[in-house]
Amino acid sequence: MPASTINVSAPAPSRWNLVTRLVSILLLAFVIGWILNRVGQQLSHSPRPAGFVRGLVQGALMPASMPNLLIGHDVVIYAEKNNGVFYKLGYTLGVNGCGAIFFGMFYWRLKRWRNRQ
Protein backbone atom coordinates (compact mmCIF):
# COMPACT_ATOMS: atom_id res chain seq x y z
CA MET A 1 0.00 0.00 0.00
CA PRO A 2 1.55 3.32 -1.02
CA ALA A 3 2.11 5.79 1.75
CA SER A 4 0.20 9.00 1.35
CA THR A 5 1.80 12.30 2.16
CA ILE A 6 0.02 15.35 3.38
CA ASN A 7 1.42 18.74 2.55
CA VAL A 8 0.90 21.08 5.43
CA SER A 9 1.99 24.54 4.55
CA ALA A 10 2.38 27.38 6.97
CA PRO A 11 -0.49 29.86 6.94
CA ALA A 12 0.11 32.96 4.90
CA PRO A 13 1.09 35.95 7.02
CA SER A 14 -1.88 38.14 7.66
CA ARG A 15 -2.11 41.75 6.66
CA TRP A 16 -2.23 42.67 10.35
CA ASN A 17 1.25 41.21 10.73
CA LEU A 18 2.49 43.48 7.95
CA VAL A 19 0.70 46.53 9.38
CA THR A 20 2.09 45.79 12.85
CA ARG A 21 5.63 45.60 11.49
CA LEU A 22 5.24 48.81 9.52
CA VAL A 23 3.81 50.70 12.49
CA SER A 24 6.58 49.35 14.73
CA ILE A 25 9.27 50.49 12.32
CA LEU A 26 7.74 53.96 11.97
CA LEU A 27 7.35 54.29 15.74
CA LEU A 28 10.98 53.30 16.25
CA ALA A 29 12.05 55.83 13.61
CA PHE A 30 10.12 58.62 15.34
CA VAL A 31 11.64 57.72 18.71
CA ILE A 32 15.13 57.74 17.18
CA GLY A 33 14.41 61.13 15.59
CA TRP A 34 13.21 62.51 18.92
CA ILE A 35 16.33 61.20 20.66
CA LEU A 36 18.54 62.66 17.92
CA ASN A 37 16.91 66.07 18.42
CA ARG A 38 17.37 65.98 22.19
CA VAL A 39 20.99 64.85 21.97
CA GLY A 40 21.68 67.38 19.21
CA GLN A 41 20.29 70.20 21.34
CA GLN A 42 22.43 69.18 24.32
CA LEU A 43 25.58 68.76 22.27
CA SER A 44 25.10 72.02 20.37
CA HIS A 45 25.68 73.85 23.68
CA SER A 46 28.97 72.01 24.19
CA PRO A 47 32.11 74.07 23.50
CA ARG A 48 33.83 71.04 21.93
CA PRO A 49 33.26 70.27 18.25
CA ALA A 50 31.74 66.95 17.22
CA GLY A 51 34.30 64.22 16.54
CA PHE A 52 34.58 60.80 14.94
CA VAL A 53 32.30 58.90 17.35
CA ARG A 54 29.47 61.43 17.14
CA GLY A 55 29.81 61.40 13.34
CA LEU A 56 29.59 57.61 13.36
CA VAL A 57 26.45 57.62 15.51
CA GLN A 58 24.73 60.41 13.59
CA GLY A 59 25.58 58.74 10.29
CA ALA A 60 24.18 55.40 11.43
CA LEU A 61 20.97 56.96 12.76
CA MET A 62 20.46 59.37 9.85
CA PRO A 63 18.32 57.00 7.70
CA ALA A 64 15.89 56.54 10.61
CA SER A 65 15.19 60.28 10.65
CA MET A 66 13.46 60.18 7.25
CA PRO A 67 9.88 59.76 8.58
CA ASN A 68 10.35 62.84 10.76
CA LEU A 69 11.72 64.84 7.86
CA LEU A 70 8.85 63.75 5.61
CA ILE A 71 6.23 65.17 7.96
CA GLY A 72 8.15 68.40 8.43
CA HIS A 73 9.96 67.93 11.76
CA ASP A 74 13.45 69.35 11.69
CA VAL A 75 15.81 66.60 12.88
CA VAL A 76 19.49 67.26 13.55
CA ILE A 77 21.31 64.76 11.34
CA TYR A 78 24.63 66.58 10.91
CA ALA A 79 26.65 68.60 13.41
CA GLU A 80 27.53 72.00 12.02
CA LYS A 81 30.25 72.45 14.62
CA ASN A 82 32.53 69.50 13.90
CA ASN A 83 36.27 68.85 13.86
CA GLY A 84 36.45 68.40 10.10
CA VAL A 85 37.80 65.32 8.40
CA PHE A 86 37.42 62.94 11.36
CA TYR A 87 33.76 63.83 11.90
CA LYS A 88 33.03 63.48 8.19
CA LEU A 89 34.88 60.16 8.06
CA GLY A 90 32.81 58.87 11.01
CA TYR A 91 29.59 60.15 9.44
CA THR A 92 30.40 58.45 6.13
CA LEU A 93 31.27 55.17 7.84
CA GLY A 94 28.05 55.34 9.87
CA VAL A 95 25.84 55.91 6.82
CA ASN A 96 27.56 53.20 4.78
CA GLY A 97 27.61 50.72 7.67
CA CYS A 98 23.90 51.24 8.30
CA GLY A 99 23.16 50.83 4.59
CA ALA A 100 25.26 47.66 4.38
CA ILE A 101 23.44 46.13 7.34
CA PHE A 102 19.99 47.17 6.09
CA PHE A 103 20.48 46.04 2.49
CA GLY A 104 22.39 42.93 3.57
CA MET A 105 19.45 41.86 5.74
CA PHE A 106 17.00 42.80 2.99
CA TYR A 107 18.76 40.71 0.33
CA TRP A 108 19.28 37.82 2.77
CA ARG A 109 15.55 37.75 3.53
CA LEU A 110 14.71 38.10 -0.17
CA LYS A 111 16.95 35.14 -0.97
CA ARG A 112 15.34 33.05 1.81
CA TRP A 113 11.89 33.99 0.49
CA ARG A 114 12.80 32.98 -3.06
CA ASN A 115 14.26 29.67 -1.88
CA ARG A 116 10.98 28.79 -0.15
CA GLN A 117 9.01 29.05 -3.37
C-alpha atoms as a PDB file:
ATOM      1  CA  MET A   1       0.000   0.000   0.000  1.00  0.00           C
ATOM      2  CA  PRO A   2       1.547   3.317  -1.025  1.00  0.00           C
ATOM      3  CA  ALA A   3       2.109   5.793   1.745  1.00  0.00           C
ATOM      4  CA  SER A   4       0.201   9.002   1.351  1.00  0.00           C
ATOM      5  CA  THR A   5       1.796  12.298   2.164  1.00  0.00           C
ATOM      6  CA  ILE A   6       0.016  15.351   3.376  1.00  0.00           C
ATOM      7  CA  ASN A   7       1.416  18.741   2.548  1.00  0.00           C
ATOM      8  CA  VAL A   8       0.898  21.081   5.432  1.00  0.00           C
ATOM      9  CA  SER A   9       1.995  24.542   4.551  1.00  0.00           C
ATOM     10  CA  ALA A  10       2.379  27.384   6.969  1.00  0.00           C
ATOM     11  CA  PRO A  11      -0.492  29.857   6.937  1.00  0.00           C
ATOM     12  CA  ALA A  12       0.114  32.963   4.902  1.00  0.00           C
ATOM     13  CA  PRO A  13       1.085  35.951   7.021  1.00  0.00           C
ATOM     14  CA  SER A  14      -1.881  38.138   7.658  1.00  0.00           C
ATOM     15  CA  ARG A  15      -2.110  41.754   6.658  1.00  0.00           C
ATOM     16  CA  TRP A  16      -2.227  42.666  10.346  1.00  0.00           C
ATOM     17  CA  ASN A  17       1.250  41.215  10.734  1.00  0.00           C
ATOM     18  CA  LEU A  18       2.492  43.483   7.949  1.00  0.00           C
ATOM     19  CA  VAL A  19       0.698  46.528   9.376  1.00  0.00           C
ATOM     20  CA  THR A  20       2.089  45.788  12.849  1.00  0.00           C
ATOM     21  CA  ARG A  21       5.627  45.596  11.489  1.00  0.00           C
ATOM     22  CA  LEU A  22       5.239  48.811   9.517  1.00  0.00           C
ATOM     23  CA  VAL A  23       3.808  50.704  12.493  1.00  0.00           C
ATOM     24  CA  SER A  24       6.583  49.353  14.731  1.00  0.00           C
ATOM     25  CA  ILE A  25       9.274  50.490  12.316  1.00  0.00           C
ATOM     26  CA  LEU A  26       7.736  53.956  11.971  1.00  0.00           C
ATOM     27  CA  LEU A  27       7.353  54.293  15.737  1.00  0.00           C
ATOM     28  CA  LEU A  28      10.978  53.303  16.247  1.00  0.00           C
ATOM     29  CA  ALA A  29      12.050  55.832  13.611  1.00  0.00           C
ATOM     30  CA  PHE A  30      10.117  58.618  15.338  1.00  0.00           C
ATOM     31  CA  VAL A  31      11.644  57.718  18.710  1.00  0.00           C
ATOM     32  CA  ILE A  32      15.133  57.743  17.176  1.00  0.00           C
ATOM     33  CA  GLY A  33      14.413  61.128  15.594  1.00  0.00           C
ATOM     34  CA  TRP A  34      13.210  62.508  18.919  1.00  0.00           C
ATOM     35  CA  ILE A  35      16.332  61.203  20.656  1.00  0.00           C
ATOM     36  CA  LEU A  36      18.539  62.665  17.921  1.00  0.00           C
ATOM     37  CA  ASN A  37      16.908  66.073  18.415  1.00  0.00           C
ATOM     38  CA  ARG A  38      17.373  65.985  22.188  1.00  0.00           C
ATOM     39  CA  VAL A  39      20.986  64.850  21.972  1.00  0.00           C
ATOM     40  CA  GLY A  40      21.683  67.375  19.214  1.00  0.00           C
ATOM     41  CA  GLN A  41      20.294  70.203  21.336  1.00  0.00           C
ATOM     42  CA  GLN A  42      22.426  69.179  24.325  1.00  0.00           C
ATOM     43  CA  LEU A  43      25.585  68.759  22.272  1.00  0.00           C
ATOM     44  CA  SER A  44      25.100  72.024  20.374  1.00  0.00           C
ATOM     45  CA  HIS A  45      25.676  73.848  23.678  1.00  0.00           C
ATOM     46  CA  SER A  46      28.975  72.014  24.189  1.00  0.00           C
ATOM     47  CA  PRO A  47      32.107  74.067  23.499  1.00  0.00           C
ATOM     48  CA  ARG A  48      33.830  71.037  21.931  1.00  0.00           C
ATOM     49  CA  PRO A  49      33.256  70.265  18.245  1.00  0.00           C
ATOM     50  CA  ALA A  50      31.743  66.945  17.223  1.00  0.00           C
ATOM     51  CA  GLY A  51      34.300  64.218  16.542  1.00  0.00           C
ATOM     52  CA  PHE A  52      34.577  60.804  14.936  1.00  0.00           C
ATOM     53  CA  VAL A  53      32.298  58.902  17.353  1.00  0.00           C
ATOM     54  CA  ARG A  54      29.470  61.432  17.139  1.00  0.00           C
ATOM     55  CA  GLY A  55      29.805  61.397  13.344  1.00  0.00           C
ATOM     56  CA  LEU A  56      29.591  57.606  13.355  1.00  0.00           C
ATOM     57  CA  VAL A  57      26.454  57.622  15.514  1.00  0.00           C
ATOM     58  CA  GLN A  58      24.734  60.408  13.591  1.00  0.00           C
ATOM     59  CA  GLY A  59      25.583  58.745  10.290  1.00  0.00           C
ATOM     60  CA  ALA A  60      24.185  55.403  11.434  1.00  0.00           C
ATOM     61  CA  LEU A  61      20.969  56.957  12.755  1.00  0.00           C
ATOM     62  CA  MET A  62      20.457  59.366   9.850  1.00  0.00           C
ATOM     63  CA  PRO A  63      18.318  56.996   7.702  1.00  0.00           C
ATOM     64  CA  ALA A  64      15.890  56.539  10.614  1.00  0.00           C
ATOM     65  CA  SER A  65      15.188  60.277  10.649  1.00  0.00           C
ATOM     66  CA  MET A  66      13.461  60.178   7.253  1.00  0.00           C
ATOM     67  CA  PRO A  67       9.875  59.759   8.577  1.00  0.00           C
ATOM     68  CA  ASN A  68      10.348  62.840  10.763  1.00  0.00           C
ATOM     69  CA  LEU A  69      11.722  64.844   7.863  1.00  0.00           C
ATOM     70  CA  LEU A  70       8.850  63.751   5.605  1.00  0.00           C
ATOM     71  CA  ILE A  71       6.231  65.169   7.958  1.00  0.00           C
ATOM     72  CA  GLY A  72       8.150  68.404   8.433  1.00  0.00           C
ATOM     73  CA  HIS A  73       9.960  67.927  11.761  1.00  0.00           C
ATOM     74  CA  ASP A  74      13.451  69.347  11.689  1.00  0.00           C
ATOM     75  CA  VAL A  75      15.812  66.604  12.876  1.00  0.00           C
ATOM     76  CA  VAL A  76      19.487  67.256  13.553  1.00  0.00           C
ATOM     77  CA  ILE A  77      21.314  64.762  11.341  1.00  0.00           C
ATOM     78  CA  TYR A  78      24.626  66.575  10.907  1.00  0.00           C
ATOM     79  CA  ALA A  79      26.649  68.598  13.412  1.00  0.00           C
ATOM     80  CA  GLU A  80      27.526  72.001  12.021  1.00  0.00           C
ATOM     81  CA  LYS A  81      30.249  72.449  14.624  1.00  0.00           C
ATOM     82  CA  ASN A  82      32.535  69.500  13.898  1.00  0.00           C
ATOM     83  CA  ASN A  83      36.267  68.849  13.859  1.00  0.00           C
ATOM     84  CA  GLY A  84      36.449  68.404  10.098  1.00  0.00           C
ATOM     85  CA  VAL A  85      37.801  65.319   8.402  1.00  0.00           C
ATOM     86  CA  PHE A  86      37.424  62.938  11.357  1.00  0.00           C
ATOM     87  CA  TYR A  87      33.764  63.828  11.902  1.00  0.00           C
ATOM     88  CA  LYS A  88      33.029  63.478   8.191  1.00  0.00           C
ATOM     89  CA  LEU A  89      34.879  60.156   8.064  1.00  0.00           C
ATOM     90  CA  GLY A  90      32.808  58.868  11.009  1.00  0.00           C
ATOM     91  CA  TYR A  91      29.594  60.150   9.436  1.00  0.00           C
ATOM     92  CA  THR A  92      30.397  58.454   6.128  1.00  0.00           C
ATOM     93  CA  LEU A  93      31.271  55.167   7.835  1.00  0.00           C
ATOM     94  CA  GLY A  94      28.050  55.345   9.866  1.00  0.00           C
ATOM     95  CA  VAL A  95      25.841  55.906   6.820  1.00  0.00           C
ATOM     96  CA  ASN A  96      27.563  53.196   4.783  1.00  0.00           C
ATOM     97  CA  GLY A  97      27.607  50.718   7.666  1.00  0.00           C
ATOM     98  CA  CYS A  98      23.904  51.240   8.300  1.00  0.00           C
ATOM     99  CA  GLY A  99      23.164  50.826   4.593  1.00  0.00           C
ATOM    100  CA  ALA A 100      25.262  47.658   4.384  1.00  0.00           C
ATOM    101  CA  ILE A 101      23.440  46.131   7.345  1.00  0.00           C
ATOM    102  CA  PHE A 102      19.989  47.173   6.087  1.00  0.00           C
ATOM    103  CA  PHE A 103      20.485  46.039   2.494  1.00  0.00           C
ATOM    104  CA  GLY A 104      22.389  42.934   3.571  1.00  0.00           C
ATOM    105  CA  MET A 105      19.452  41.861   5.739  1.00  0.00           C
ATOM    106  CA  PHE A 106      16.998  42.799   2.987  1.00  0.00           C
ATOM    107  CA  TYR A 107      18.755  40.711   0.331  1.00  0.00           C
ATOM    108  CA  TRP A 108      19.280  37.823   2.769  1.00  0.00           C
ATOM    109  CA  ARG A 109      15.550  37.748   3.529  1.00  0.00           C
ATOM    110  CA  LEU A 110      14.708  38.100  -0.167  1.00  0.00           C
ATOM    111  CA  LYS A 111      16.953  35.140  -0.967  1.00  0.00           C
ATOM    112  CA  ARG A 112      15.342  33.054   1.809  1.00  0.00           C
ATOM    113  CA  TRP A 113      11.887  33.991   0.493  1.00  0.00           C
ATOM    114  CA  ARG A 114      12.796  32.979  -3.060  1.00  0.00           C
ATOM    115  CA  ASN A 115      14.264  29.674  -1.877  1.00  0.00           C
ATOM    116  CA  ARG A 116      10.980  28.788  -0.152  1.00  0.00           C
ATOM    117  CA  GLN A 117       9.013  29.053  -3.373  1.00  0.00           C
END
